[in-house]
N, C-alpha and C. Protein backbone atom coordinates (compact mmCIF):
# COMPACT_ATOMS: atom_id res chain seq x y z
N MET A 1 1.89 3.39 11.22
CA MET A 1 3.32 3.63 11.09
C MET A 1 3.98 2.49 10.33
N LYS A 2 3.64 1.26 10.68
CA LYS A 2 4.23 0.10 10.03
C LYS A 2 3.87 0.04 8.54
N ILE A 3 2.63 0.38 8.21
CA ILE A 3 2.19 0.38 6.82
C ILE A 3 2.95 1.43 6.02
N SER A 4 3.19 2.61 6.59
CA SER A 4 3.94 3.66 5.91
C SER A 4 5.36 3.19 5.59
N PHE A 5 5.98 2.55 6.57
CA PHE A 5 7.34 2.06 6.37
C PHE A 5 7.39 1.03 5.23
N VAL A 6 6.44 0.11 5.21
CA VAL A 6 6.37 -0.91 4.17
C VAL A 6 6.17 -0.26 2.80
N CYS A 7 5.31 0.74 2.72
CA CYS A 7 5.07 1.44 1.45
C CYS A 7 6.32 2.14 0.96
N ILE A 8 7.05 2.77 1.86
CA ILE A 8 8.29 3.46 1.48
C ILE A 8 9.32 2.46 0.98
N VAL A 9 9.49 1.36 1.66
CA VAL A 9 10.44 0.32 1.25
C VAL A 9 10.06 -0.23 -0.12
N LEU A 10 8.78 -0.52 -0.33
CA LEU A 10 8.34 -1.03 -1.63
C LEU A 10 8.58 -0.01 -2.74
N PHE A 11 8.33 1.26 -2.44
CA PHE A 11 8.55 2.31 -3.43
C PHE A 11 10.03 2.39 -3.81
N LEU A 12 10.90 2.39 -2.82
CA LEU A 12 12.34 2.52 -3.10
C LEU A 12 12.90 1.30 -3.81
N THR A 13 12.40 0.13 -3.51
CA THR A 13 12.92 -1.07 -4.17
C THR A 13 12.41 -1.20 -5.59
N SER A 14 11.34 -0.52 -5.92
CA SER A 14 10.81 -0.60 -7.28
C SER A 14 11.34 0.53 -8.17
N CYS A 15 12.08 1.45 -7.62
CA CYS A 15 12.59 2.59 -8.39
C CYS A 15 13.74 2.16 -9.30
N THR A 16 13.79 2.80 -10.43
CA THR A 16 14.96 2.68 -11.28
C THR A 16 15.51 4.07 -11.51
N PHE A 17 16.79 4.15 -11.75
CA PHE A 17 17.45 5.42 -11.92
C PHE A 17 18.09 5.46 -13.30
N ASP A 18 17.69 6.45 -14.09
CA ASP A 18 18.25 6.60 -15.43
C ASP A 18 19.64 7.20 -15.34
N THR A 19 20.54 6.67 -16.15
CA THR A 19 21.92 7.14 -16.17
C THR A 19 22.49 6.90 -17.56
N HIS A 20 23.72 7.30 -17.75
CA HIS A 20 24.37 7.04 -19.03
C HIS A 20 25.88 7.07 -18.89
N VAL A 21 26.53 6.49 -19.86
CA VAL A 21 27.98 6.49 -19.99
C VAL A 21 28.25 6.90 -21.42
N SER A 22 29.18 7.80 -21.62
CA SER A 22 29.53 8.18 -22.98
C SER A 22 31.03 8.40 -23.07
N GLY A 23 31.52 8.38 -24.28
CA GLY A 23 32.95 8.57 -24.50
C GLY A 23 33.30 8.31 -25.95
N VAL A 24 34.54 7.89 -26.16
CA VAL A 24 35.03 7.64 -27.51
C VAL A 24 35.82 6.33 -27.51
N VAL A 25 35.71 5.58 -28.60
CA VAL A 25 36.45 4.33 -28.77
C VAL A 25 37.56 4.59 -29.78
N ILE A 26 38.81 4.22 -29.40
CA ILE A 26 39.94 4.41 -30.31
C ILE A 26 40.68 3.10 -30.53
N ASP A 27 41.39 3.04 -31.64
CA ASP A 27 42.25 1.90 -31.99
C ASP A 27 43.53 2.01 -31.18
N GLU A 28 43.94 0.92 -30.53
CA GLU A 28 45.13 0.93 -29.69
C GLU A 28 46.39 1.33 -30.46
N LYS A 29 46.55 0.82 -31.65
CA LYS A 29 47.77 1.04 -32.42
C LYS A 29 47.83 2.42 -33.07
N THR A 30 46.73 2.83 -33.68
CA THR A 30 46.74 4.09 -34.45
C THR A 30 46.29 5.29 -33.63
N GLY A 31 45.52 5.05 -32.56
CA GLY A 31 44.96 6.15 -31.78
C GLY A 31 43.79 6.84 -32.46
N LEU A 32 43.34 6.27 -33.58
CA LEU A 32 42.23 6.85 -34.34
C LEU A 32 40.89 6.32 -33.83
N PRO A 33 39.82 7.11 -33.99
CA PRO A 33 38.49 6.65 -33.58
C PRO A 33 38.06 5.42 -34.37
N VAL A 34 37.28 4.56 -33.71
CA VAL A 34 36.76 3.35 -34.35
C VAL A 34 35.24 3.47 -34.42
N LYS A 35 34.70 3.40 -35.63
CA LYS A 35 33.25 3.51 -35.80
C LYS A 35 32.59 2.14 -35.72
N GLU A 36 31.30 2.16 -35.46
CA GLU A 36 30.44 0.98 -35.42
C GLU A 36 30.89 -0.10 -34.44
N VAL A 37 31.44 0.33 -33.31
CA VAL A 37 31.77 -0.60 -32.22
C VAL A 37 30.50 -0.80 -31.40
N LEU A 38 30.14 -2.05 -31.14
CA LEU A 38 28.98 -2.36 -30.31
C LEU A 38 29.36 -2.16 -28.84
N VAL A 39 28.65 -1.28 -28.16
CA VAL A 39 28.88 -0.98 -26.74
C VAL A 39 27.60 -1.36 -26.01
N ARG A 40 27.72 -2.25 -25.01
CA ARG A 40 26.50 -2.66 -24.29
C ARG A 40 26.77 -2.87 -22.81
N THR A 41 25.72 -2.72 -22.02
CA THR A 41 25.82 -2.89 -20.58
C THR A 41 26.01 -4.37 -20.26
N ILE A 42 26.79 -4.63 -19.23
CA ILE A 42 26.99 -6.00 -18.74
C ILE A 42 26.42 -6.11 -17.33
N LYS A 43 26.94 -5.30 -16.38
CA LYS A 43 26.49 -5.33 -14.99
C LYS A 43 27.06 -4.12 -14.27
N ASP A 44 26.51 -3.82 -13.10
CA ASP A 44 27.15 -2.79 -12.29
C ASP A 44 28.23 -3.47 -11.45
N LEU A 45 29.02 -2.69 -10.79
CA LEU A 45 30.18 -3.21 -10.07
C LEU A 45 29.79 -4.24 -9.01
N ASN A 46 28.60 -4.09 -8.41
CA ASN A 46 28.15 -5.00 -7.37
C ASN A 46 27.28 -6.13 -7.90
N GLY A 47 27.19 -6.26 -9.22
CA GLY A 47 26.40 -7.33 -9.82
C GLY A 47 24.90 -7.08 -9.75
N ARG A 48 24.50 -5.85 -9.45
CA ARG A 48 23.07 -5.54 -9.37
C ARG A 48 22.46 -5.44 -10.77
N GLU A 49 21.16 -5.52 -10.79
CA GLU A 49 20.42 -5.54 -12.04
C GLU A 49 20.53 -4.21 -12.79
N LEU A 50 20.82 -4.32 -14.07
CA LEU A 50 20.84 -3.18 -14.98
C LEU A 50 19.89 -3.45 -16.12
N GLU A 51 19.34 -2.40 -16.66
CA GLU A 51 18.59 -2.54 -17.89
C GLU A 51 19.59 -2.84 -19.00
N PHE A 52 19.29 -3.85 -19.85
CA PHE A 52 20.18 -4.13 -20.97
C PHE A 52 20.05 -2.99 -21.98
N ALA A 53 21.18 -2.47 -22.39
CA ALA A 53 21.18 -1.40 -23.39
C ALA A 53 22.41 -1.57 -24.27
N GLU A 54 22.27 -1.16 -25.52
CA GLU A 54 23.41 -1.20 -26.42
C GLU A 54 23.31 -0.08 -27.43
N THR A 55 24.46 0.29 -27.96
CA THR A 55 24.54 1.31 -28.98
C THR A 55 25.78 1.02 -29.81
N LYS A 56 25.97 1.75 -30.88
CA LYS A 56 27.19 1.65 -31.68
C LYS A 56 27.87 2.99 -31.71
N SER A 57 29.20 2.96 -31.77
CA SER A 57 29.95 4.21 -31.85
C SER A 57 29.75 4.84 -33.23
N SER A 58 29.79 6.16 -33.25
CA SER A 58 29.58 6.91 -34.49
C SER A 58 30.86 6.92 -35.33
N ILE A 59 30.82 7.59 -36.46
CA ILE A 59 31.97 7.65 -37.36
C ILE A 59 33.20 8.25 -36.69
N ASP A 60 32.97 9.12 -35.68
CA ASP A 60 34.11 9.72 -34.97
C ASP A 60 34.41 8.99 -33.66
N GLY A 61 33.86 7.75 -33.50
CA GLY A 61 34.16 6.91 -32.35
C GLY A 61 33.35 7.19 -31.10
N HIS A 62 32.51 8.22 -31.11
CA HIS A 62 31.73 8.57 -29.92
C HIS A 62 30.54 7.64 -29.72
N PHE A 63 30.22 7.43 -28.45
CA PHE A 63 29.05 6.63 -28.10
C PHE A 63 28.36 7.27 -26.89
N ASP A 64 27.08 7.04 -26.76
CA ASP A 64 26.30 7.49 -25.60
C ASP A 64 25.35 6.36 -25.26
N LEU A 65 25.60 5.69 -24.16
CA LEU A 65 24.84 4.52 -23.75
C LEU A 65 23.94 4.90 -22.58
N LYS A 66 22.63 4.87 -22.81
CA LYS A 66 21.66 5.22 -21.77
C LYS A 66 21.00 3.95 -21.25
N PHE A 67 20.85 3.87 -19.92
CA PHE A 67 20.28 2.68 -19.30
C PHE A 67 19.74 3.02 -17.93
N SER A 68 19.08 2.07 -17.30
CA SER A 68 18.53 2.24 -15.95
C SER A 68 19.21 1.25 -15.02
N THR A 69 19.34 1.65 -13.77
CA THR A 69 19.90 0.80 -12.74
C THR A 69 18.97 0.83 -11.53
N LYS A 70 19.04 -0.20 -10.71
CA LYS A 70 18.18 -0.29 -9.53
C LYS A 70 18.71 0.53 -8.35
N SER A 71 19.96 0.97 -8.41
CA SER A 71 20.55 1.67 -7.28
C SER A 71 21.25 2.95 -7.73
N ALA A 72 20.90 4.05 -7.11
CA ALA A 72 21.55 5.33 -7.42
C ALA A 72 22.94 5.41 -6.78
N ARG A 73 23.20 4.53 -5.81
CA ARG A 73 24.48 4.58 -5.10
C ARG A 73 25.62 3.95 -5.89
N ASP A 74 25.31 3.04 -6.78
CA ASP A 74 26.37 2.41 -7.57
C ASP A 74 26.87 3.41 -8.59
N ASN A 75 28.18 3.56 -8.65
CA ASN A 75 28.70 4.56 -9.57
C ASN A 75 29.57 3.96 -10.67
N GLU A 76 29.61 2.64 -10.76
CA GLU A 76 30.40 2.02 -11.81
C GLU A 76 29.60 0.92 -12.50
N VAL A 77 29.85 0.77 -13.78
CA VAL A 77 29.16 -0.24 -14.58
C VAL A 77 30.16 -0.85 -15.54
N SER A 78 30.02 -2.14 -15.81
CA SER A 78 30.86 -2.81 -16.79
C SER A 78 30.16 -2.78 -18.14
N VAL A 79 30.91 -2.40 -19.17
CA VAL A 79 30.38 -2.40 -20.53
C VAL A 79 31.28 -3.26 -21.40
N GLU A 80 30.66 -3.89 -22.38
CA GLU A 80 31.40 -4.74 -23.31
C GLU A 80 31.48 -4.03 -24.65
N LEU A 81 32.68 -4.04 -25.24
CA LEU A 81 32.91 -3.47 -26.56
C LEU A 81 33.28 -4.59 -27.51
N SER A 82 32.64 -4.63 -28.67
CA SER A 82 32.98 -5.66 -29.64
C SER A 82 32.82 -5.12 -31.06
N LYS A 83 33.69 -5.62 -31.92
CA LYS A 83 33.65 -5.30 -33.34
C LYS A 83 34.49 -6.35 -34.06
N PRO A 84 33.99 -6.84 -35.20
CA PRO A 84 34.77 -7.82 -35.96
C PRO A 84 36.17 -7.26 -36.28
N GLY A 85 37.18 -8.12 -36.11
CA GLY A 85 38.56 -7.71 -36.35
C GLY A 85 39.26 -7.18 -35.12
N TYR A 86 38.51 -6.99 -34.03
CA TYR A 86 39.06 -6.50 -32.77
C TYR A 86 38.77 -7.49 -31.65
N GLN A 87 39.61 -7.47 -30.63
CA GLN A 87 39.35 -8.28 -29.44
C GLN A 87 38.17 -7.67 -28.68
N THR A 88 37.30 -8.51 -28.15
CA THR A 88 36.20 -8.03 -27.31
C THR A 88 36.79 -7.63 -25.96
N ASN A 89 36.44 -6.44 -25.49
CA ASN A 89 36.96 -5.94 -24.22
C ASN A 89 35.82 -5.58 -23.29
N ILE A 90 36.07 -5.70 -22.00
CA ILE A 90 35.13 -5.25 -20.98
C ILE A 90 35.82 -4.15 -20.18
N TYR A 91 35.13 -3.02 -20.05
CA TYR A 91 35.64 -1.88 -19.32
C TYR A 91 34.71 -1.53 -18.18
N THR A 92 35.28 -0.97 -17.12
CA THR A 92 34.49 -0.43 -16.02
C THR A 92 34.45 1.08 -16.19
N CYS A 93 33.23 1.62 -16.26
CA CYS A 93 33.04 3.05 -16.46
C CYS A 93 32.22 3.61 -15.30
N HIS A 94 32.38 4.88 -15.04
CA HIS A 94 31.58 5.56 -14.02
C HIS A 94 30.27 6.03 -14.63
N HIS A 95 29.17 5.86 -13.87
CA HIS A 95 27.87 6.39 -14.31
C HIS A 95 28.03 7.88 -14.54
N GLU A 96 27.31 8.39 -15.48
CA GLU A 96 27.29 9.80 -15.82
C GLU A 96 28.64 10.29 -16.34
N SER A 97 29.53 9.37 -16.68
CA SER A 97 30.81 9.74 -17.24
C SER A 97 30.62 10.18 -18.69
N THR A 98 31.27 11.26 -19.06
CA THR A 98 31.10 11.79 -20.42
C THR A 98 32.40 11.90 -21.19
N ASN A 99 33.49 11.43 -20.63
CA ASN A 99 34.76 11.59 -21.33
C ASN A 99 35.65 10.35 -21.29
N ASP A 100 35.06 9.19 -21.16
CA ASP A 100 35.85 7.95 -21.16
C ASP A 100 36.44 7.71 -22.54
N THR A 101 37.71 7.32 -22.58
CA THR A 101 38.34 6.87 -23.82
C THR A 101 38.59 5.38 -23.66
N LEU A 102 37.94 4.59 -24.50
CA LEU A 102 38.06 3.14 -24.44
C LEU A 102 38.87 2.66 -25.64
N VAL A 103 39.80 1.77 -25.38
CA VAL A 103 40.77 1.35 -26.40
C VAL A 103 40.48 -0.06 -26.86
N LEU A 104 40.48 -0.27 -28.18
CA LEU A 104 40.32 -1.60 -28.76
C LEU A 104 41.61 -2.04 -29.41
N ARG A 105 41.92 -3.33 -29.25
CA ARG A 105 43.13 -3.92 -29.83
C ARG A 105 42.71 -4.83 -30.97
N ARG A 106 43.40 -4.70 -32.10
CA ARG A 106 43.11 -5.56 -33.25
C ARG A 106 43.50 -7.00 -32.94
N GLN A 107 42.79 -7.95 -33.56
CA GLN A 107 43.10 -9.36 -33.35
C GLN A 107 44.36 -9.75 -34.11
């Protein structure tokens, strides 16, 4: 019985859960999509380990960031957005979110 419990605990602690965040990046002033914005994972809300992942927004401002997390219970992740000429911003997004609109402000 004790060995089974230890095996289950080891299995659950070694699991990773695939997830993603997607949305669109827009310019604060114009409301227009911003292309080639670097979007990358920073941490989950509880500071738990995330797989580092990054992507760039497309010509229409859309991005889809896929990554793994150690906990399926965490539902928020911090992502960093950066692009030359804009202020770097950190946003909190929900895992599996597909309609986030993230706003960048020009420097």
